[in-house]
Every structure is written in C-alpha cells, then in structure tokens.
C-alpha cells in the first residue's frame, strides 16, 4: 500500500478552483453533455490525487447508464436507489462513502475501490440528468472540500 499525502483545505480550495476553471474552458461553447463529460472525466482523473475512477452515469428515464469515464471498466447500468450512484440519483443529494465495505448496498465495479463520492447532476428544472462518480483506493478519501468542489463541477454539466 502506498501513502497518500494529505492535502490541507487551502490546497483543496486552490485545486478545485483550478479544476473548475479548466472545466469551464473545456466546456465553453460546447452544448453536448457527452463531449463535455468525456473531457471533464479525464480532467478530474488526472488532476485529483488518489482517484482511481472518475466518470459519469446518465439517467435514461429509468436507470443510470455508464457514460464517459477514466479508470477500469465500469458497471454498465445502475438502478435508482441501488449502490452509491443509485442512491445519489434517487435522493438528488451528494453521497460520500468513507469505506465502501460499510455501505450495505455497495455495487462492486472495481474491487480496488475503498471510498466513493457520487454527485447528482440536475438541470435547471431540477430534473435528473445523471451522476458524477469518483472512487479511490483509500478509505476516507472524500470530504466536505471535495463535495463543494465536485458539486461545482457537476453543475457545469447540469447547466449545459
């Protein structure tokens, strides 16, 4: 196991400000959510430390379907209310799981995943578009700073 360097809140605020600005630049002038999700998933995967999966699931009217991502192959479809992403989609609230082994209905897509954050993506009418999902091989990887930063990134796709 490798040791992950802990970032301070100030470091994370600076990092997420930079990531959000880069995401805005990447999405500027592009209205296609899939194209924007592809670039944003690559940006998050490479910019954020200790992330082994970063990507999107889009709501098709009945369930979540995998969209653009970076990392190992993913689960293809997730029912609303199932797993971390399904719970975030159904509740329309960000879900942070410190240890996926403690999450009763965790859906194992990658056995290396230890913590996860799922942020619902809503349009201007609060209709569900999908979920932004990130996984880490470390427990307790995601905190309030990540919630705030990633919710801002997710809003870019909701507004698009």
N, C-alpha and C. Protein backbone atom coordinates (compact mmCIF):
# COMPACT_ATOMS: atom_id res chain seq x y z
N UNK A 1 0.84 -1.17 0.00
CA UNK A 1 0.00 0.00 0.00
C UNK A 1 0.88 1.23 0.00
N UNK A 2 0.45 2.25 -0.71
CA UNK A 2 1.22 3.48 -0.77
C UNK A 2 0.61 4.52 0.16
N UNK A 3 1.42 5.47 0.58
CA UNK A 3 0.95 6.51 1.47
C UNK A 3 0.48 7.70 0.64
N UNK A 4 -0.68 8.20 0.95
CA UNK A 4 -1.24 9.33 0.24
C UNK A 4 -0.94 10.59 1.03
N UNK A 5 -0.41 11.58 0.36
CA UNK A 5 -0.12 12.84 1.03
C UNK A 5 -1.43 13.57 1.28
N UNK A 6 -1.65 14.00 2.50
CA UNK A 6 -2.87 14.69 2.88
C UNK A 6 -2.79 16.14 2.41
N UNK A 7 -3.88 16.60 1.80
CA UNK A 7 -3.96 17.98 1.35
C UNK A 7 -4.70 18.79 2.40
N UNK A 8 -4.27 20.03 2.59
CA UNK A 8 -4.98 20.93 3.50
C UNK A 8 -6.22 21.48 2.80
N UNK A 9 -7.11 22.06 3.57
CA UNK A 9 -8.29 22.69 2.98
C UNK A 9 -7.88 23.77 1.99
N UNK A 10 -6.88 24.57 2.34
CA UNK A 10 -6.43 25.62 1.42
C UNK A 10 -5.92 25.03 0.11
N UNK A 11 -5.18 23.91 0.20
CA UNK A 11 -4.69 23.24 -1.00
C UNK A 11 -5.87 22.78 -1.87
N UNK A 12 -6.87 22.19 -1.22
CA UNK A 12 -8.03 21.69 -1.97
C UNK A 12 -8.84 22.82 -2.59
N UNK A 13 -9.02 23.90 -1.87
CA UNK A 13 -9.76 25.04 -2.41
C UNK A 13 -9.05 25.55 -3.67
N UNK A 14 -7.74 25.67 -3.60
CA UNK A 14 -6.96 26.13 -4.75
C UNK A 14 -7.05 25.12 -5.89
N UNK A 15 -6.92 23.84 -5.58
CA UNK A 15 -7.00 22.81 -6.60
C UNK A 15 -8.36 22.83 -7.29
N UNK A 16 -9.43 22.85 -6.51
CA UNK A 16 -10.77 22.83 -7.12
C UNK A 16 -11.07 24.10 -7.89
N UNK A 17 -10.56 25.24 -7.47
CA UNK A 17 -10.73 26.48 -8.24
C UNK A 17 -10.09 26.32 -9.61
N UNK A 18 -8.89 25.73 -9.64
CA UNK A 18 -8.19 25.49 -10.90
C UNK A 18 -8.94 24.48 -11.77
N UNK A 19 -9.39 23.39 -11.15
CA UNK A 19 -10.12 22.35 -11.89
C UNK A 19 -11.41 22.92 -12.47
N UNK A 20 -12.14 23.70 -11.69
CA UNK A 20 -13.40 24.29 -12.16
C UNK A 20 -13.15 25.23 -13.33
N UNK A 21 -12.11 26.04 -13.23
CA UNK A 21 -11.79 26.95 -14.34
C UNK A 21 -11.41 26.16 -15.60
N UNK A 22 -10.60 25.11 -15.44
CA UNK A 22 -10.23 24.29 -16.59
C UNK A 22 -11.46 23.62 -17.19
N UNK A 23 -12.38 23.14 -16.34
CA UNK A 23 -13.60 22.50 -16.83
C UNK A 23 -14.46 23.51 -17.60
N UNK A 24 -14.54 24.73 -17.09
CA UNK A 24 -15.31 25.77 -17.79
C UNK A 24 -14.72 26.04 -19.17
N UNK A 25 -13.40 26.13 -19.24
CA UNK A 25 -12.73 26.37 -20.52
C UNK A 25 -12.99 25.20 -21.48
N UNK A 26 -12.87 23.98 -20.97
CA UNK A 26 -13.10 22.81 -21.82
C UNK A 26 -14.53 22.75 -22.35
N UNK A 27 -15.50 23.18 -21.53
CA UNK A 27 -16.91 23.09 -21.92
C UNK A 27 -17.41 24.33 -22.65
N UNK A 28 -16.61 25.38 -22.69
CA UNK A 28 -17.05 26.63 -23.30
C UNK A 28 -17.44 26.42 -24.76
N UNK A 29 -18.65 26.82 -25.08
CA UNK A 29 -19.11 26.74 -26.46
C UNK A 29 -19.58 25.37 -26.90
N UNK A 30 -19.49 24.38 -26.03
CA UNK A 30 -19.92 23.01 -26.39
C UNK A 30 -21.18 22.67 -25.61
N UNK A 31 -22.26 22.35 -26.30
CA UNK A 31 -23.52 22.03 -25.64
C UNK A 31 -23.75 20.53 -25.46
N UNK A 32 -22.92 19.71 -26.08
CA UNK A 32 -23.11 18.27 -25.98
C UNK A 32 -22.58 17.76 -24.64
N UNK A 33 -23.48 17.22 -23.82
CA UNK A 33 -23.09 16.76 -22.48
C UNK A 33 -22.11 15.60 -22.53
N UNK A 34 -22.24 14.73 -23.49
CA UNK A 34 -21.34 13.57 -23.57
C UNK A 34 -19.92 14.05 -23.88
N UNK A 35 -19.78 14.98 -24.80
CA UNK A 35 -18.46 15.52 -25.13
C UNK A 35 -17.86 16.21 -23.91
N UNK A 36 -18.67 17.01 -23.23
CA UNK A 36 -18.17 17.70 -22.03
C UNK A 36 -17.83 16.72 -20.92
N UNK A 37 -18.66 15.70 -20.74
CA UNK A 37 -18.39 14.69 -19.71
C UNK A 37 -17.09 13.94 -20.00
N UNK A 38 -16.80 13.69 -21.27
CA UNK A 38 -15.57 12.99 -21.63
C UNK A 38 -14.35 13.80 -21.20
N UNK A 39 -14.35 15.09 -21.53
CA UNK A 39 -13.21 15.93 -21.15
C UNK A 39 -13.14 16.13 -19.64
N UNK A 40 -14.27 16.34 -19.01
CA UNK A 40 -14.26 16.59 -17.56
C UNK A 40 -13.83 15.34 -16.79
N UNK A 41 -14.24 14.16 -17.24
CA UNK A 41 -13.80 12.94 -16.53
C UNK A 41 -12.29 12.78 -16.65
N UNK A 42 -11.72 13.07 -17.81
CA UNK A 42 -10.27 13.00 -17.97
C UNK A 42 -9.57 14.04 -17.09
N UNK A 43 -10.12 15.24 -17.05
CA UNK A 43 -9.56 16.30 -16.22
C UNK A 43 -9.54 15.89 -14.75
N UNK A 44 -10.67 15.41 -14.23
CA UNK A 44 -10.75 15.02 -12.82
C UNK A 44 -9.82 13.87 -12.50
N UNK A 45 -9.78 12.88 -13.38
CA UNK A 45 -8.95 11.69 -13.15
C UNK A 45 -7.47 12.07 -13.04
N UNK A 46 -7.04 13.00 -13.87
CA UNK A 46 -5.62 13.36 -13.88
C UNK A 46 -5.27 14.48 -12.90
N UNK A 47 -6.24 15.32 -12.53
CA UNK A 47 -5.94 16.45 -11.67
C UNK A 47 -6.06 16.14 -10.18
N UNK A 48 -6.93 15.19 -9.83
CA UNK A 48 -7.19 14.93 -8.41
C UNK A 48 -6.33 13.77 -7.91
N UNK A 49 -5.67 13.95 -6.80
CA UNK A 49 -4.84 12.86 -6.27
C UNK A 49 -5.69 11.73 -5.70
N UNK A 50 -5.14 10.53 -5.78
CA UNK A 50 -5.73 9.34 -5.16
C UNK A 50 -7.14 9.05 -5.66
N UNK A 51 -7.35 9.19 -6.96
CA UNK A 51 -8.61 8.84 -7.60
C UNK A 51 -8.32 7.73 -8.60
N UNK A 52 -9.07 6.62 -8.50
CA UNK A 52 -8.85 5.50 -9.42
C UNK A 52 -9.96 5.38 -10.47
N UNK A 53 -11.03 6.15 -10.30
CA UNK A 53 -12.12 6.15 -11.28
C UNK A 53 -12.83 7.49 -11.19
N UNK A 54 -13.06 8.11 -12.33
CA UNK A 54 -13.81 9.36 -12.40
C UNK A 54 -14.67 9.32 -13.64
N UNK A 55 -15.95 9.48 -13.45
CA UNK A 55 -16.81 9.43 -14.63
C UNK A 55 -18.26 9.74 -14.35
N UNK A 56 -19.06 9.44 -15.34
CA UNK A 56 -20.46 9.84 -15.34
C UNK A 56 -21.37 8.67 -15.64
N UNK A 57 -22.52 8.71 -15.02
CA UNK A 57 -23.64 7.85 -15.38
C UNK A 57 -24.78 8.79 -15.76
N UNK A 58 -25.43 8.51 -16.88
CA UNK A 58 -26.54 9.33 -17.33
C UNK A 58 -27.86 8.61 -17.12
N UNK A 59 -28.88 9.36 -16.73
CA UNK A 59 -30.22 8.83 -16.48
C UNK A 59 -30.94 8.71 -17.81
N UNK A 60 -31.42 7.50 -18.11
CA UNK A 60 -32.12 7.28 -19.37
C UNK A 60 -33.64 7.27 -19.23
N UNK A 61 -34.12 7.71 -18.09
CA UNK A 61 -35.55 7.72 -17.83
C UNK A 61 -36.00 6.63 -16.89
N UNK A 62 -35.15 5.60 -16.74
CA UNK A 62 -35.50 4.53 -15.81
C UNK A 62 -34.31 4.08 -14.96
N UNK A 63 -33.09 4.21 -15.46
CA UNK A 63 -31.91 3.80 -14.70
C UNK A 63 -30.70 4.61 -15.15
N UNK A 64 -29.60 4.46 -14.44
CA UNK A 64 -28.35 5.12 -14.81
C UNK A 64 -27.57 4.23 -15.77
N UNK A 65 -27.03 4.84 -16.82
CA UNK A 65 -26.25 4.13 -17.82
C UNK A 65 -24.87 4.77 -17.88
N UNK A 66 -23.83 3.95 -17.89
CA UNK A 66 -22.47 4.47 -17.88
C UNK A 66 -22.24 5.41 -19.05
N UNK A 67 -21.54 6.50 -18.74
CA UNK A 67 -21.14 7.47 -19.75
C UNK A 67 -19.63 7.56 -19.78
N UNK A 68 -19.09 8.67 -20.25
CA UNK A 68 -17.64 8.82 -20.31
C UNK A 68 -17.00 8.69 -18.93
N UNK A 69 -15.84 8.03 -18.90
CA UNK A 69 -15.12 7.86 -17.64
C UNK A 69 -13.66 7.60 -17.91
N UNK A 70 -12.87 7.67 -16.83
CA UNK A 70 -11.46 7.30 -16.83
C UNK A 70 -11.28 6.30 -15.70
N UNK A 71 -10.58 5.22 -15.97
CA UNK A 71 -10.35 4.18 -14.97
C UNK A 71 -10.66 2.81 -15.56
N UNK A 72 -10.76 1.83 -14.67
CA UNK A 72 -11.07 0.47 -15.10
C UNK A 72 -12.49 0.39 -15.64
N UNK A 73 -12.80 -0.67 -16.41
CA UNK A 73 -14.17 -0.84 -16.90
C UNK A 73 -15.18 -0.73 -15.75
N UNK A 74 -16.37 -0.24 -16.09
CA UNK A 74 -17.37 0.09 -15.08
C UNK A 74 -18.63 -0.74 -15.23
N UNK A 75 -19.45 -0.69 -14.19
CA UNK A 75 -20.79 -1.27 -14.26
C UNK A 75 -21.55 -0.52 -15.36
N UNK A 76 -22.30 -1.23 -16.15
CA UNK A 76 -22.99 -0.60 -17.28
C UNK A 76 -24.27 0.11 -16.88
N UNK A 77 -25.08 -0.52 -16.02
CA UNK A 77 -26.37 0.05 -15.64
C UNK A 77 -26.55 -0.05 -14.13
N UNK A 78 -27.12 0.99 -13.55
CA UNK A 78 -27.35 1.02 -12.11
C UNK A 78 -28.79 1.47 -11.87
N UNK A 79 -29.59 0.65 -11.20
CA UNK A 79 -30.97 1.06 -10.88
C UNK A 79 -30.98 2.21 -9.88
N UNK A 80 -31.98 3.07 -9.98
CA UNK A 80 -32.15 4.13 -8.99
C UNK A 80 -32.33 3.49 -7.62
N UNK A 81 -31.69 4.08 -6.62
CA UNK A 81 -31.80 3.58 -5.26
C UNK A 81 -30.84 2.46 -4.92
N UNK A 82 -30.05 1.97 -5.90
CA UNK A 82 -29.09 0.90 -5.66
C UNK A 82 -27.68 1.44 -5.72
N UNK A 83 -26.84 1.00 -4.81
CA UNK A 83 -25.45 1.43 -4.81
C UNK A 83 -25.32 2.92 -4.50
N UNK A 84 -24.10 3.38 -4.46
CA UNK A 84 -23.83 4.77 -4.12
C UNK A 84 -24.41 5.71 -5.18
N UNK A 85 -24.20 5.39 -6.45
CA UNK A 85 -24.70 6.25 -7.52
C UNK A 85 -26.23 6.25 -7.57
N UNK A 86 -26.83 5.09 -7.44
CA UNK A 86 -28.29 4.99 -7.48
C UNK A 86 -28.95 5.73 -6.34
N UNK A 87 -28.34 5.70 -5.16
CA UNK A 87 -28.87 6.43 -4.00
C UNK A 87 -28.74 7.93 -4.24
N UNK A 88 -27.59 8.38 -4.76
CA UNK A 88 -27.41 9.81 -5.05
C UNK A 88 -28.42 10.28 -6.10
N UNK A 89 -28.64 9.46 -7.11
CA UNK A 89 -29.59 9.83 -8.16
C UNK A 89 -31.01 9.91 -7.62
N UNK A 90 -31.41 8.92 -6.86
CA UNK A 90 -32.77 8.89 -6.34
C UNK A 90 -33.03 10.00 -5.32
N UNK A 91 -32.06 10.25 -4.45
CA UNK A 91 -32.22 11.27 -3.41
C UNK A 91 -31.94 12.68 -3.92
N UNK A 92 -31.24 12.75 -5.06
CA UNK A 92 -30.78 14.03 -5.61
C UNK A 92 -29.89 14.78 -4.61
N UNK A 93 -29.13 14.00 -3.84
CA UNK A 93 -28.19 14.55 -2.87
C UNK A 93 -26.84 13.85 -3.03
N UNK A 94 -25.77 14.58 -2.80
CA UNK A 94 -24.43 14.00 -2.85
C UNK A 94 -24.30 12.94 -1.76
N UNK A 95 -23.68 11.82 -2.14
CA UNK A 95 -23.43 10.73 -1.19
C UNK A 95 -21.92 10.53 -1.11
N UNK A 96 -21.41 10.59 0.12
CA UNK A 96 -19.99 10.34 0.38
C UNK A 96 -19.90 9.08 1.23
N UNK A 97 -19.11 8.11 0.76
CA UNK A 97 -18.93 6.85 1.49
C UNK A 97 -17.46 6.73 1.85
N UNK A 98 -17.18 6.79 3.16
CA UNK A 98 -15.80 6.72 3.64
C UNK A 98 -15.17 5.36 3.41
N UNK A 99 -15.96 4.31 3.55
CA UNK A 99 -15.49 2.94 3.34
C UNK A 99 -16.62 2.15 2.69
N UNK A 100 -16.43 1.79 1.43
CA UNK A 100 -17.50 1.12 0.69
C UNK A 100 -17.89 -0.22 1.32
N UNK A 101 -16.99 -0.79 2.11
CA UNK A 101 -17.32 -2.05 2.78
C UNK A 101 -18.38 -1.86 3.86
N UNK A 102 -18.57 -0.63 4.29
CA UNK A 102 -19.59 -0.32 5.30
C UNK A 102 -20.91 0.14 4.68
N UNK A 103 -20.96 0.26 3.36
CA UNK A 103 -22.17 0.70 2.67
C UNK A 103 -22.95 -0.55 2.26
N UNK A 104 -24.07 -0.75 2.89
CA UNK A 104 -24.83 -2.00 2.76
C UNK A 104 -25.08 -2.42 1.32
N UNK A 105 -25.45 -1.48 0.48
CA UNK A 105 -25.85 -1.82 -0.89
C UNK A 105 -24.79 -1.41 -1.92
N UNK A 106 -23.53 -1.43 -1.54
CA UNK A 106 -22.47 -1.06 -2.48
C UNK A 106 -22.42 -2.04 -3.64
N UNK A 107 -22.34 -1.51 -4.85
CA UNK A 107 -22.21 -2.33 -6.05
C UNK A 107 -20.72 -2.35 -6.40
N UNK A 108 -20.13 -3.51 -6.39
CA UNK A 108 -18.69 -3.63 -6.65
C UNK A 108 -18.45 -3.64 -8.15
N UNK A 109 -17.91 -2.54 -8.65
CA UNK A 109 -17.49 -2.47 -10.05
C UNK A 109 -15.98 -2.67 -10.15
N UNK A 110 -15.26 -2.24 -9.10
CA UNK A 110 -13.81 -2.36 -9.05
C UNK A 110 -13.45 -2.78 -7.62
N UNK A 111 -12.85 -3.94 -7.48
CA UNK A 111 -12.51 -4.46 -6.15
C UNK A 111 -11.49 -3.58 -5.42
N UNK A 112 -10.79 -2.72 -6.15
CA UNK A 112 -9.80 -1.84 -5.53
C UNK A 112 -10.43 -0.60 -4.89
N UNK A 113 -11.69 -0.32 -5.20
CA UNK A 113 -12.35 0.86 -4.66
C UNK A 113 -12.58 0.70 -3.16
N UNK A 114 -12.22 1.75 -2.40
CA UNK A 114 -12.41 1.74 -0.94
C UNK A 114 -13.30 2.88 -0.47
N UNK A 115 -13.31 4.01 -1.19
CA UNK A 115 -14.20 5.10 -0.85
C UNK A 115 -14.76 5.68 -2.15
N UNK A 116 -15.90 6.37 -2.00
CA UNK A 116 -16.61 6.83 -3.19
C UNK A 116 -17.41 8.09 -2.88
N UNK A 117 -17.56 8.91 -3.91
CA UNK A 117 -18.44 10.07 -3.85
C UNK A 117 -19.27 10.10 -5.12
N UNK A 118 -20.56 10.34 -4.97
CA UNK A 118 -21.47 10.43 -6.11
C UNK A 118 -22.29 11.70 -5.99
N UNK A 119 -22.25 12.52 -7.04
CA UNK A 119 -22.91 13.81 -7.04
C UNK A 119 -23.98 13.80 -8.13
N UNK A 120 -25.25 14.03 -7.76
CA UNK A 120 -26.29 14.07 -8.79
C UNK A 120 -26.11 15.30 -9.69
N UNK A 121 -26.44 15.13 -10.95
CA UNK A 121 -26.41 16.23 -11.92
C UNK A 121 -27.86 16.53 -12.27
N UNK A 122 -28.25 17.77 -12.01
CA UNK A 122 -29.63 18.19 -12.25
C UNK A 122 -29.65 19.33 -13.25
N UNK A 123 -30.72 19.40 -14.06
CA UNK A 123 -30.84 20.51 -14.99
C UNK A 123 -31.47 21.70 -14.28
N UNK A 124 -31.75 22.76 -15.00
CA UNK A 124 -32.31 23.97 -14.42
C UNK A 124 -33.69 23.79 -13.80
N UNK A 125 -34.38 22.71 -14.17
CA UNK A 125 -35.70 22.40 -13.61
C UNK A 125 -35.62 21.35 -12.52
N UNK A 126 -34.41 21.07 -12.02
CA UNK A 126 -34.17 20.04 -11.00
C UNK A 126 -34.52 18.64 -11.49
N UNK A 127 -34.48 18.43 -12.79
CA UNK A 127 -34.68 17.09 -13.35
C UNK A 127 -33.33 16.38 -13.38
N UNK A 128 -33.35 15.08 -13.08
CA UNK A 128 -32.12 14.29 -13.03
C UNK A 128 -31.54 14.07 -14.42
N UNK A 129 -30.28 14.44 -14.58
CA UNK A 129 -29.53 14.17 -15.81
C UNK A 129 -28.65 12.95 -15.61
N UNK A 130 -28.02 12.86 -14.45
CA UNK A 130 -27.11 11.75 -14.19
C UNK A 130 -26.36 11.94 -12.89
N UNK A 131 -25.21 11.30 -12.81
CA UNK A 131 -24.39 11.32 -11.61
C UNK A 131 -22.92 11.43 -12.00
N UNK A 132 -22.20 12.27 -11.28
CA UNK A 132 -20.74 12.31 -11.35
C UNK A 132 -20.23 11.41 -10.23
N UNK A 133 -19.37 10.47 -10.56
CA UNK A 133 -18.92 9.46 -9.59
C UNK A 133 -17.40 9.41 -9.58
N UNK A 134 -16.81 9.37 -8.38
CA UNK A 134 -15.37 9.19 -8.23
C UNK A 134 -15.10 8.15 -7.17
N UNK A 135 -14.09 7.32 -7.41
CA UNK A 135 -13.68 6.28 -6.48
C UNK A 135 -12.20 6.46 -6.14
N UNK A 136 -11.84 5.98 -4.96
CA UNK A 136 -10.45 5.99 -4.51
C UNK A 136 -10.10 4.63 -3.93
N UNK A 137 -8.83 4.29 -3.99
CA UNK A 137 -8.34 3.06 -3.37
C UNK A 137 -8.08 3.24 -1.88
N UNK A 138 -8.25 4.46 -1.38
CA UNK A 138 -8.05 4.76 0.04
C UNK A 138 -9.39 4.99 0.72
N UNK A 139 -9.51 4.59 1.97
CA UNK A 139 -10.71 4.92 2.74
C UNK A 139 -10.64 6.40 3.12
N UNK A 140 -11.79 6.96 3.40
CA UNK A 140 -11.90 8.35 3.84
C UNK A 140 -11.25 9.35 2.89
N UNK A 141 -11.26 9.08 1.59
CA UNK A 141 -10.62 9.97 0.62
C UNK A 141 -11.39 11.27 0.42
N UNK A 142 -12.71 11.23 0.47
CA UNK A 142 -13.52 12.38 0.09
C UNK A 142 -14.11 13.07 1.32
N UNK A 143 -14.02 14.40 1.33
CA UNK A 143 -14.50 15.18 2.48
C UNK A 143 -15.35 16.35 2.00
N UNK A 144 -15.66 17.26 2.91
CA UNK A 144 -16.53 18.41 2.59
C UNK A 144 -15.92 19.29 1.50
N UNK A 145 -14.60 19.40 1.45
CA UNK A 145 -13.96 20.19 0.40
C UNK A 145 -14.18 19.56 -0.97
N UNK A 146 -14.12 18.22 -1.03
CA UNK A 146 -14.39 17.52 -2.28
C UNK A 146 -15.85 17.69 -2.69
N UNK A 147 -16.75 17.60 -1.71
CA UNK A 147 -18.17 17.78 -2.00
C UNK A 147 -18.39 19.13 -2.67
N UNK A 148 -17.89 20.17 -2.05
CA UNK A 148 -18.09 21.52 -2.58
C UNK A 148 -17.48 21.67 -3.98
N UNK A 149 -16.25 21.21 -4.14
CA UNK A 149 -15.57 21.33 -5.43
C UNK A 149 -16.23 20.53 -6.54
N UNK A 150 -16.59 19.28 -6.22
CA UNK A 150 -17.19 18.41 -7.24
C UNK A 150 -18.63 18.79 -7.56
N UNK A 151 -19.36 19.31 -6.58
CA UNK A 151 -20.71 19.80 -6.87
C UNK A 151 -20.65 20.96 -7.85
N UNK A 152 -19.65 21.82 -7.73
CA UNK A 152 -19.49 22.94 -8.67
C UNK A 152 -19.21 22.43 -10.08
N UNK A 153 -18.39 21.40 -10.18
CA UNK A 153 -18.09 20.80 -11.48
C UNK A 153 -19.34 20.14 -12.07
N UNK A 154 -20.09 19.44 -11.25
CA UNK A 154 -21.31 18.76 -11.71
C UNK A 154 -22.33 19.78 -12.23
N UNK A 155 -22.40 20.94 -11.60
CA UNK A 155 -23.33 21.98 -12.06
C UNK A 155 -23.04 22.42 -13.49
N UNK A 156 -21.76 22.36 -13.89
CA UNK A 156 -21.42 22.72 -15.27
C UNK A 156 -22.18 21.86 -16.28
N UNK A 157 -22.28 20.56 -15.99
CA UNK A 157 -22.99 19.68 -16.91
C UNK A 157 -24.50 19.87 -16.82
N UNK A 158 -24.99 20.19 -15.64
CA UNK A 158 -26.41 20.45 -15.48
C UNK A 158 -26.84 21.70 -16.22
N UNK A 159 -25.96 22.70 -16.22
CA UNK A 159 -26.27 23.96 -16.88
C UNK A 159 -26.12 23.87 -18.38
N UNK A 160 -25.36 22.85 -18.84
CA UNK A 160 -25.07 22.73 -20.28
C UNK A 160 -26.18 22.18 -20.98
